[in-house]
């Protein structure tokens, strides 16, 4: 399977990749993790067949001994996140929906609205749906939008659930 093989080769980039019969776990620097997940998705999507990825990103999980929330200061201003390293994703259009969970933040809705505004600036925002935001566009830009939401949400524990689809036979054109 090209997507899993692509992820296994990501282990050469200082990422930990663990695959079993249900899922694949990728650990490492967020920038590299997002690039590896995007590239794995593209390896499957380039076939032209319909492919969907159900992805969960998490940082600062208190129950996971390898996760660490250190260095996250919600009050601290920071530079915008760097772009995910480019991949070989030219020409792949995707649709996605994602939900952002800034756990423990009293102002969680403001942080969610900030992520939606970021997607609007990236040109990937299509519409809000129940409990999630729809994104459409080139795979690089859609993954960059999700990555920026993840990095820019300055809380100790943040989770994003994303579903990304390419080559869908029921694709609804972007409005």
N, C-alpha and C. Protein backbone atom coordinates (compact mmCIF):
# COMPACT_ATOMS: atom_id res chain seq x y z
N UNK A 1 0.85 -1.18 0.00
CA UNK A 1 0.00 0.00 0.00
C UNK A 1 0.89 1.24 0.00
N UNK A 2 0.79 2.08 -1.03
CA UNK A 2 1.71 3.23 -1.16
C UNK A 2 1.66 4.21 0.01
N UNK A 3 0.48 4.44 0.59
CA UNK A 3 0.37 5.41 1.68
C UNK A 3 1.11 4.94 2.92
N UNK A 4 0.97 3.67 3.28
CA UNK A 4 1.65 3.15 4.45
C UNK A 4 3.15 3.11 4.21
N UNK A 5 3.55 2.70 3.01
CA UNK A 5 4.99 2.69 2.69
C UNK A 5 5.58 4.09 2.78
N UNK A 6 4.83 5.09 2.33
CA UNK A 6 5.28 6.48 2.42
C UNK A 6 5.49 6.88 3.87
N UNK A 7 4.57 6.47 4.75
CA UNK A 7 4.72 6.79 6.17
C UNK A 7 5.89 6.05 6.79
N UNK A 8 6.08 4.80 6.41
CA UNK A 8 7.21 4.05 6.96
C UNK A 8 8.53 4.71 6.59
N UNK A 9 8.61 5.27 5.38
CA UNK A 9 9.84 5.97 4.99
C UNK A 9 9.98 7.29 5.74
N UNK A 10 8.87 7.81 6.30
CA UNK A 10 8.94 9.04 7.09
C UNK A 10 9.73 8.81 8.37
N UNK A 11 9.82 7.56 8.81
CA UNK A 11 10.61 7.24 9.99
C UNK A 11 12.06 7.63 9.84
N UNK A 12 12.51 7.75 8.60
CA UNK A 12 13.88 8.18 8.33
C UNK A 12 14.06 9.67 8.58
N UNK A 13 12.99 10.39 8.83
CA UNK A 13 13.03 11.85 9.04
C UNK A 13 12.82 12.18 10.52
N UNK A 14 13.33 11.36 11.41
CA UNK A 14 13.21 11.55 12.86
C UNK A 14 11.77 11.52 13.33
N UNK A 15 10.96 10.70 12.70
CA UNK A 15 9.59 10.48 13.15
C UNK A 15 9.47 9.03 13.62
N UNK A 16 8.62 8.82 14.60
CA UNK A 16 8.30 7.47 15.04
C UNK A 16 7.00 7.07 14.35
N UNK A 17 7.02 5.95 13.67
CA UNK A 17 5.83 5.48 12.94
C UNK A 17 5.50 4.08 13.42
N UNK A 18 4.29 3.91 13.96
CA UNK A 18 3.82 2.62 14.44
C UNK A 18 2.51 2.28 13.73
N UNK A 19 2.51 1.18 12.99
CA UNK A 19 1.32 0.77 12.24
C UNK A 19 0.80 -0.55 12.78
N UNK A 20 -0.52 -0.64 12.90
CA UNK A 20 -1.15 -1.91 13.26
C UNK A 20 -2.36 -2.11 12.35
N UNK A 21 -3.23 -3.04 12.69
CA UNK A 21 -4.35 -3.37 11.82
C UNK A 21 -5.49 -2.34 11.86
N UNK A 22 -5.41 -1.36 12.76
CA UNK A 22 -6.47 -0.36 12.87
C UNK A 22 -6.00 1.03 12.47
N UNK A 23 -4.77 1.37 12.83
CA UNK A 23 -4.33 2.75 12.62
C UNK A 23 -2.82 2.84 12.51
N UNK A 24 -2.37 4.04 12.22
CA UNK A 24 -0.95 4.34 12.20
C UNK A 24 -0.73 5.56 13.07
N UNK A 25 0.24 5.46 13.97
CA UNK A 25 0.60 6.55 14.85
C UNK A 25 1.91 7.15 14.36
N UNK A 26 1.94 8.47 14.22
CA UNK A 26 3.14 9.16 13.79
C UNK A 26 3.47 10.19 14.87
N UNK A 27 4.67 10.10 15.42
CA UNK A 27 5.10 11.03 16.47
C UNK A 27 6.34 11.78 16.00
N UNK A 28 6.42 13.04 16.44
CA UNK A 28 7.60 13.85 16.13
C UNK A 28 7.22 15.31 16.09
N UNK A 29 8.11 16.13 15.51
CA UNK A 29 7.84 17.56 15.37
C UNK A 29 6.60 17.74 14.51
N UNK A 30 5.73 18.66 14.95
CA UNK A 30 4.45 18.86 14.26
C UNK A 30 4.63 19.12 12.78
N UNK A 31 5.57 19.97 12.43
CA UNK A 31 5.81 20.30 11.02
C UNK A 31 6.10 19.05 10.20
N UNK A 32 6.95 18.17 10.71
CA UNK A 32 7.30 16.95 10.01
C UNK A 32 6.15 15.95 10.00
N UNK A 33 5.40 15.89 11.10
CA UNK A 33 4.26 14.97 11.17
C UNK A 33 3.21 15.36 10.13
N UNK A 34 2.86 16.66 10.08
CA UNK A 34 1.86 17.11 9.11
C UNK A 34 2.32 16.84 7.68
N UNK A 35 3.60 17.10 7.39
CA UNK A 35 4.12 16.85 6.04
C UNK A 35 4.06 15.36 5.71
N UNK A 36 4.41 14.51 6.66
CA UNK A 36 4.39 13.06 6.42
C UNK A 36 2.97 12.55 6.19
N UNK A 37 2.02 13.05 6.98
CA UNK A 37 0.63 12.63 6.82
C UNK A 37 0.10 13.10 5.46
N UNK A 38 0.39 14.36 5.12
CA UNK A 38 -0.04 14.89 3.82
C UNK A 38 0.55 14.05 2.68
N UNK A 39 1.85 13.76 2.75
CA UNK A 39 2.51 13.02 1.68
C UNK A 39 1.98 11.58 1.58
N UNK A 40 1.66 10.99 2.72
CA UNK A 40 1.07 9.66 2.72
C UNK A 40 -0.30 9.68 2.05
N UNK A 41 -1.10 10.69 2.41
CA UNK A 41 -2.42 10.84 1.79
C UNK A 41 -2.28 11.01 0.28
N UNK A 42 -1.34 11.82 -0.15
CA UNK A 42 -1.12 12.05 -1.58
C UNK A 42 -0.68 10.79 -2.30
N UNK A 43 0.12 9.96 -1.63
CA UNK A 43 0.55 8.70 -2.24
C UNK A 43 -0.65 7.81 -2.56
N UNK A 44 -1.68 7.90 -1.74
CA UNK A 44 -2.91 7.13 -2.02
C UNK A 44 -3.77 7.84 -3.05
N UNK A 45 -3.86 9.16 -2.97
CA UNK A 45 -4.76 9.93 -3.84
C UNK A 45 -4.28 10.01 -5.28
N UNK A 46 -3.00 9.89 -5.52
CA UNK A 46 -2.46 10.04 -6.87
C UNK A 46 -2.97 8.94 -7.80
N UNK A 47 -3.51 7.88 -7.24
CA UNK A 47 -4.05 6.78 -8.06
C UNK A 47 -5.30 7.21 -8.83
N UNK A 48 -5.96 8.28 -8.36
CA UNK A 48 -7.21 8.72 -8.98
C UNK A 48 -8.43 8.06 -8.36
N UNK A 49 -8.21 7.06 -7.54
CA UNK A 49 -9.31 6.40 -6.82
C UNK A 49 -9.74 7.28 -5.65
N UNK A 50 -10.99 7.11 -5.24
CA UNK A 50 -11.48 7.87 -4.09
C UNK A 50 -10.72 7.40 -2.84
N UNK A 51 -10.21 8.35 -2.10
CA UNK A 51 -9.50 8.05 -0.86
C UNK A 51 -9.93 9.06 0.20
N UNK A 52 -10.08 8.57 1.43
CA UNK A 52 -10.42 9.45 2.55
C UNK A 52 -9.52 9.10 3.72
N UNK A 53 -9.06 10.13 4.40
CA UNK A 53 -8.22 9.93 5.58
C UNK A 53 -8.94 10.47 6.80
N UNK A 54 -8.97 9.69 7.86
CA UNK A 54 -9.54 10.10 9.13
C UNK A 54 -8.34 10.31 10.06
N UNK A 55 -8.05 11.57 10.40
CA UNK A 55 -6.80 11.92 11.05
C UNK A 55 -7.08 12.62 12.38
N UNK A 56 -6.33 12.25 13.40
CA UNK A 56 -6.43 12.89 14.70
C UNK A 56 -5.05 13.42 15.07
N UNK A 57 -4.95 14.74 15.23
CA UNK A 57 -3.71 15.38 15.65
C UNK A 57 -3.87 15.78 17.11
N UNK A 58 -2.85 15.57 17.93
CA UNK A 58 -2.93 15.91 19.34
C UNK A 58 -1.57 16.38 19.83
N UNK A 59 -1.59 17.38 20.71
CA UNK A 59 -0.37 17.88 21.36
C UNK A 59 -0.71 18.12 22.83
N UNK A 60 0.19 17.68 23.71
CA UNK A 60 0.04 17.97 25.13
C UNK A 60 -0.86 17.03 25.88
N UNK A 61 -1.06 15.84 25.36
CA UNK A 61 -1.93 14.85 25.99
C UNK A 61 -1.36 14.47 27.36
N UNK A 62 -2.09 14.78 28.44
CA UNK A 62 -1.55 14.49 29.77
C UNK A 62 -1.44 13.00 30.09
N UNK A 63 -2.14 12.16 29.38
CA UNK A 63 -2.09 10.72 29.65
C UNK A 63 -1.01 9.99 28.88
N UNK A 64 -0.32 10.66 28.01
CA UNK A 64 0.69 10.03 27.16
C UNK A 64 2.06 10.49 27.64
N UNK A 65 2.88 9.55 28.08
CA UNK A 65 4.16 9.94 28.66
C UNK A 65 5.15 10.52 27.66
N UNK A 66 4.93 10.33 26.37
CA UNK A 66 5.86 10.92 25.40
C UNK A 66 5.38 12.27 24.89
N UNK A 67 4.15 12.66 25.23
CA UNK A 67 3.65 13.98 24.85
C UNK A 67 4.11 14.97 25.90
N UNK A 68 4.32 16.17 25.47
CA UNK A 68 4.78 17.17 26.42
C UNK A 68 4.18 18.51 26.06
N UNK A 69 3.59 19.18 27.02
CA UNK A 69 3.00 20.49 26.79
C UNK A 69 3.94 21.61 27.19
N UNK A 70 5.17 21.28 27.55
CA UNK A 70 6.08 22.32 28.00
C UNK A 70 6.35 23.31 26.87
N UNK A 71 6.59 24.53 27.26
CA UNK A 71 6.90 25.56 26.29
C UNK A 71 5.69 26.23 25.69
N UNK A 72 4.48 25.79 26.00
CA UNK A 72 3.28 26.40 25.47
C UNK A 72 2.78 27.44 26.47
N UNK A 73 2.78 28.67 26.05
CA UNK A 73 2.28 29.75 26.90
C UNK A 73 1.15 30.44 26.15
N UNK A 74 -0.11 30.24 26.58
CA UNK A 74 -1.25 30.81 25.86
C UNK A 74 -1.22 32.33 25.77
N UNK A 75 -0.51 32.99 26.66
CA UNK A 75 -0.47 34.45 26.66
C UNK A 75 0.61 35.00 25.75
N UNK A 76 1.52 34.16 25.33
CA UNK A 76 2.69 34.60 24.58
C UNK A 76 2.36 34.79 23.10
N UNK A 77 2.74 35.94 22.55
CA UNK A 77 2.60 36.16 21.11
C UNK A 77 3.73 35.41 20.42
N UNK A 78 3.47 34.90 19.25
CA UNK A 78 4.51 34.17 18.53
C UNK A 78 4.43 34.48 17.05
N UNK A 79 5.48 34.10 16.37
CA UNK A 79 5.54 34.23 14.93
C UNK A 79 4.51 33.29 14.32
N UNK A 80 4.00 33.63 13.13
CA UNK A 80 3.11 32.67 12.47
C UNK A 80 3.86 31.37 12.21
N UNK A 81 3.16 30.25 12.18
CA UNK A 81 3.84 28.98 11.97
C UNK A 81 4.49 28.92 10.60
N UNK A 82 5.60 28.22 10.55
CA UNK A 82 6.29 28.03 9.28
C UNK A 82 5.43 27.16 8.38
N UNK A 83 5.68 27.25 7.09
CA UNK A 83 4.95 26.38 6.18
C UNK A 83 5.44 24.96 6.33
N UNK A 84 4.53 24.04 6.13
CA UNK A 84 4.91 22.63 6.09
C UNK A 84 5.88 22.47 4.92
N UNK A 85 6.94 21.68 5.08
CA UNK A 85 7.84 21.47 3.94
C UNK A 85 7.06 21.01 2.71
N UNK A 86 7.40 21.53 1.53
CA UNK A 86 6.64 21.18 0.33
C UNK A 86 6.73 19.68 0.03
N UNK A 87 5.68 19.20 -0.61
CA UNK A 87 5.64 17.79 -1.01
C UNK A 87 5.36 17.69 -2.49
N UNK A 88 5.27 16.49 -2.96
CA UNK A 88 4.98 16.25 -4.38
C UNK A 88 3.47 16.12 -4.54
N UNK A 89 2.74 17.20 -4.27
CA UNK A 89 1.29 17.13 -4.22
C UNK A 89 0.60 17.95 -5.30
N UNK A 90 1.35 18.39 -6.28
CA UNK A 90 0.78 19.26 -7.30
C UNK A 90 -0.43 18.63 -7.98
N UNK A 91 -1.49 19.41 -8.08
CA UNK A 91 -2.66 18.98 -8.83
C UNK A 91 -3.69 18.17 -8.04
N UNK A 92 -3.41 17.84 -6.80
CA UNK A 92 -4.38 17.07 -6.02
C UNK A 92 -5.29 18.04 -5.28
N UNK A 93 -6.57 18.00 -5.64
CA UNK A 93 -7.58 18.82 -4.98
C UNK A 93 -8.27 17.96 -3.94
N UNK A 94 -8.51 18.55 -2.78
CA UNK A 94 -9.13 17.80 -1.70
C UNK A 94 -10.28 18.59 -1.07
N UNK A 95 -11.11 17.87 -0.39
CA UNK A 95 -12.14 18.43 0.48
C UNK A 95 -11.83 17.92 1.87
N UNK A 96 -12.09 18.73 2.86
CA UNK A 96 -11.80 18.31 4.23
C UNK A 96 -12.80 18.96 5.17
N UNK A 97 -12.94 18.35 6.31
CA UNK A 97 -13.63 19.02 7.40
C UNK A 97 -12.80 18.75 8.64
N UNK A 98 -12.72 19.78 9.49
CA UNK A 98 -11.95 19.58 10.71
C UNK A 98 -12.64 20.24 11.88
N UNK A 99 -12.38 19.66 13.04
CA UNK A 99 -12.88 20.19 14.30
C UNK A 99 -11.67 20.43 15.19
N UNK A 100 -11.65 21.58 15.82
CA UNK A 100 -10.55 21.99 16.69
C UNK A 100 -11.02 21.96 18.13
N UNK A 101 -10.23 21.35 19.00
CA UNK A 101 -10.55 21.26 20.42
C UNK A 101 -9.40 21.85 21.24
N UNK A 102 -9.49 23.13 21.60
CA UNK A 102 -8.47 23.73 22.49
C UNK A 102 -8.82 23.39 23.94
N UNK A 103 -8.39 22.24 24.40
CA UNK A 103 -8.83 21.70 25.68
C UNK A 103 -8.32 22.54 26.85
N UNK A 104 -9.21 22.79 27.77
CA UNK A 104 -8.87 23.54 28.97
C UNK A 104 -8.90 25.05 28.81
N UNK A 105 -9.19 25.55 27.64
CA UNK A 105 -9.19 26.99 27.39
C UNK A 105 -10.59 27.56 27.67
N UNK A 106 -10.66 28.53 28.55
CA UNK A 106 -11.94 29.17 28.86
C UNK A 106 -12.48 29.87 27.62
N UNK A 107 -11.59 30.46 26.83
CA UNK A 107 -11.97 31.20 25.63
C UNK A 107 -11.89 30.32 24.38
N UNK A 108 -12.27 29.06 24.52
CA UNK A 108 -12.11 28.10 23.43
C UNK A 108 -12.79 28.53 22.14
N UNK A 109 -13.97 29.17 22.23
CA UNK A 109 -14.66 29.58 20.99
C UNK A 109 -13.87 30.66 20.25
N UNK A 110 -13.24 31.58 20.97
CA UNK A 110 -12.40 32.58 20.31
C UNK A 110 -11.25 31.93 19.57
N UNK A 111 -10.69 30.89 20.14
CA UNK A 111 -9.59 30.18 19.50
C UNK A 111 -10.08 29.42 18.25
N UNK A 112 -11.27 28.86 18.33
CA UNK A 112 -11.85 28.18 17.17
C UNK A 112 -12.15 29.20 16.07
N UNK A 113 -12.74 30.34 16.44
CA UNK A 113 -13.00 31.39 15.44
C UNK A 113 -11.70 31.87 14.80
N UNK A 114 -10.63 31.94 15.58
CA UNK A 114 -9.33 32.33 15.03
C UNK A 114 -8.84 31.34 13.99
N UNK A 115 -9.06 30.06 14.24
CA UNK A 115 -8.67 29.03 13.27
C UNK A 115 -9.49 29.15 11.99
N UNK A 116 -10.77 29.42 12.13
CA UNK A 116 -11.63 29.60 10.95
C UNK A 116 -11.17 30.82 10.16
N UNK A 117 -10.85 31.91 10.85
CA UNK A 117 -10.34 33.11 10.17
C UNK A 117 -9.04 32.81 9.43
N UNK A 118 -8.19 31.97 10.02
CA UNK A 118 -6.94 31.58 9.35
C UNK A 118 -7.22 30.82 8.06
N UNK A 119 -8.20 29.93 8.07
CA UNK A 119 -8.56 29.18 6.86
C UNK A 119 -9.14 30.12 5.81
N UNK A 120 -9.88 31.14 6.25
CA UNK A 120 -10.40 32.13 5.31
C UNK A 120 -9.24 32.88 4.65
N UNK A 121 -8.24 33.27 5.44
CA UNK A 121 -7.07 33.97 4.87
C UNK A 121 -6.31 33.08 3.89
N UNK A 122 -6.27 31.77 4.16
CA UNK A 122 -5.57 30.83 3.27
C UNK A 122 -6.37 30.56 2.00
N UNK A 123 -7.66 30.92 2.00
CA UNK A 123 -8.49 30.67 0.83
C UNK A 123 -9.03 29.27 0.75
N UNK A 124 -8.98 28.53 1.86
CA UNK A 124 -9.46 27.15 1.86
C UNK A 124 -10.83 27.00 2.51
N UNK A 125 -11.26 27.99 3.26
CA UNK A 125 -12.55 27.92 3.96
C UNK A 125 -13.68 27.86 2.94
N UNK A 126 -14.59 26.90 3.13
CA UNK A 126 -15.78 26.80 2.30
C UNK A 126 -17.01 27.19 3.11
N UNK A 127 -17.17 26.54 4.25
CA UNK A 127 -18.32 26.88 5.10
C UNK A 127 -18.17 26.20 6.45
N UNK A 128 -18.93 26.73 7.39
CA UNK A 128 -19.04 26.07 8.69
C UNK A 128 -20.14 25.03 8.59
N UNK A 129 -19.91 23.93 9.25
CA UNK A 129 -20.91 22.86 9.34
C UNK A 129 -21.13 22.62 10.82
N UNK A 130 -22.05 21.73 11.14
CA UNK A 130 -22.26 21.40 12.54
C UNK A 130 -20.98 20.82 13.14
N UNK A 131 -20.44 21.53 14.10
CA UNK A 131 -19.28 21.09 14.89
C UNK A 131 -17.99 20.98 14.10
N UNK A 132 -17.94 21.49 12.87
CA UNK A 132 -16.70 21.42 12.11
C UNK A 132 -16.69 22.51 11.04
N UNK A 133 -15.56 22.63 10.39
CA UNK A 133 -15.36 23.60 9.32
C UNK A 133 -14.97 22.85 8.06
N UNK A 134 -15.58 23.20 6.93
CA UNK A 134 -15.25 22.57 5.65
C UNK A 134 -14.18 23.39 4.95
N UNK A 135 -13.19 22.69 4.42
CA UNK A 135 -12.12 23.29 3.63
C UNK A 135 -12.09 22.60 2.27
N UNK A 136 -11.74 23.36 1.24
CA UNK A 136 -11.56 22.80 -0.10
C UNK A 136 -10.37 23.50 -0.75
N UNK A 137 -9.65 22.76 -1.60
CA UNK A 137 -8.57 23.37 -2.35
C UNK A 137 -7.43 22.41 -2.58
N UNK A 138 -6.29 22.96 -3.02
CA UNK A 138 -5.11 22.12 -3.23
C UNK A 138 -4.68 21.48 -1.91
N UNK A 139 -4.24 20.25 -1.98
CA UNK A 139 -3.90 19.50 -0.78
C UNK A 139 -2.87 20.24 0.09
N UNK A 140 -1.88 20.88 -0.54
CA UNK A 140 -0.87 21.61 0.25
C UNK A 140 -1.52 22.70 1.09
N UNK A 141 -2.42 23.47 0.48
CA UNK A 141 -3.06 24.58 1.21
C UNK A 141 -4.02 24.10 2.28
N UNK A 142 -4.73 23.01 2.02
CA UNK A 142 -5.67 22.49 3.01
C UNK A 142 -4.91 21.97 4.23
N UNK A 143 -3.86 21.18 4.01
CA UNK A 143 -3.07 20.70 5.14
C UNK A 143 -2.38 21.86 5.86
N UNK A 144 -1.94 22.87 5.13
CA UNK A 144 -1.33 24.04 5.77
C UNK A 144 -2.34 24.75 6.66
N UNK A 145 -3.59 24.86 6.21
CA UNK A 145 -4.64 25.50 7.02
C UNK A 145 -4.86 24.74 8.33
N UNK A 146 -4.90 23.42 8.24
CA UNK A 146 -5.12 22.61 9.44
C UNK A 146 -3.90 22.73 10.36
N UNK A 147 -2.71 22.68 9.78
CA UNK A 147 -1.48 22.80 10.56
C UNK A 147 -1.42 24.15 11.29
N UNK A 148 -1.75 25.22 10.59
CA UNK A 148 -1.72 26.54 11.24
C UNK A 148 -2.72 26.62 12.38
N UNK A 149 -3.88 26.02 12.22
CA UNK A 149 -4.85 25.98 13.32
C UNK A 149 -4.27 25.26 14.52
N UNK A 150 -3.58 24.17 14.27
CA UNK A 150 -2.98 23.36 15.33
C UNK A 150 -1.89 24.13 16.06
N UNK A 151 -0.99 24.75 15.32
CA UNK A 151 0.15 25.44 15.91
C UNK A 151 -0.27 26.76 16.56
N UNK A 152 -1.19 27.47 15.94
CA UNK A 152 -1.58 28.79 16.42
C UNK A 152 -2.49 28.75 17.65
N UNK A 153 -3.07 27.60 17.94
CA UNK A 153 -3.94 27.47 19.11
C UNK A 153 -3.04 27.29 20.32
N UNK A 154 -2.80 28.37 21.00
CA UNK A 154 -1.84 28.38 22.11
C UNK A 154 -2.50 27.89 23.40
N UNK A 155 -2.66 26.59 23.49
CA UNK A 155 -3.11 25.95 24.72
C UNK A 155 -2.21 24.75 24.97
N UNK A 156 -2.15 24.32 26.22
CA UNK A 156 -1.28 23.20 26.55
C UNK A 156 -1.71 21.90 25.87
N UNK A 157 -3.03 21.70 25.71
CA UNK A 157 -3.52 20.46 25.10
C UNK A 157 -4.50 20.83 23.99
N UNK A 158 -4.15 20.52 22.77
CA UNK A 158 -5.00 20.81 21.62
C UNK A 158 -5.16 19.54 20.80
N UNK A 159 -6.38 19.34 20.28
CA UNK A 159 -6.69 18.18 19.44
C UNK A 159 -7.43 18.69 18.20
N UNK A 160 -7.08 18.14 17.06
CA UNK A 160 -7.82 18.39 15.82
C UNK A 160 -8.22 17.04 15.24
N UNK A 161 -9.49 16.94 14.91
CA UNK A 161 -9.96 15.78 14.16
C UNK A 161 -10.24 16.28 12.74
N UNK A 162 -9.62 15.63 11.76
CA UNK A 162 -9.81 16.03 10.36
C UNK A 162 -10.15 14.81 9.51
N UNK A 163 -11.04 15.03 8.57
CA UNK A 163 -11.32 14.04 7.54
C UNK A 163 -11.01 14.71 6.22
N UNK A 164 -10.15 14.08 5.43
CA UNK A 164 -9.71 14.63 4.15
C UNK A 164 -10.09 13.63 3.06
N UNK A 165 -10.62 14.14 1.94
CA UNK A 165 -11.09 13.30 0.85
C UNK A 165 -10.57 13.82 -0.49
N UNK A 166 -10.20 12.89 -1.35
CA UNK A 166 -9.79 13.23 -2.73
C UNK A 166 -10.46 12.28 -3.70
N UNK A 167 -10.75 12.78 -4.88
CA UNK A 167 -11.29 11.96 -5.97
C UNK A 167 -12.66 11.37 -5.66
N UNK A 168 -13.45 12.07 -4.88
CA UNK A 168 -14.75 11.54 -4.50
C UNK A 168 -15.71 11.54 -5.68
N UNK A 169 -16.43 10.44 -5.90
CA UNK A 169 -17.42 10.43 -6.97
C UNK A 169 -18.64 11.31 -6.64
N UNK A 170 -18.80 11.68 -5.39
CA UNK A 170 -19.92 12.54 -5.00
C UNK A 170 -19.47 13.96 -4.67
N UNK A 171 -18.32 14.35 -5.18
CA UNK A 171 -17.77 15.68 -4.91
C UNK A 171 -18.75 16.77 -5.27
N UNK A 172 -18.95 17.68 -4.34
CA UNK A 172 -19.80 18.85 -4.56
C UNK A 172 -18.86 20.01 -4.86
N UNK A 173 -19.09 20.69 -5.95
CA UNK A 173 -18.21 21.78 -6.34
C UNK A 173 -18.23 22.88 -5.29
N UNK A 174 -17.08 23.49 -5.10
CA UNK A 174 -16.90 24.57 -4.14
C UNK A 174 -17.74 25.75 -4.53
N UNK A 175 -18.44 26.32 -3.55
CA UNK A 175 -19.32 27.46 -3.82
C UNK A 175 -18.69 28.75 -3.41
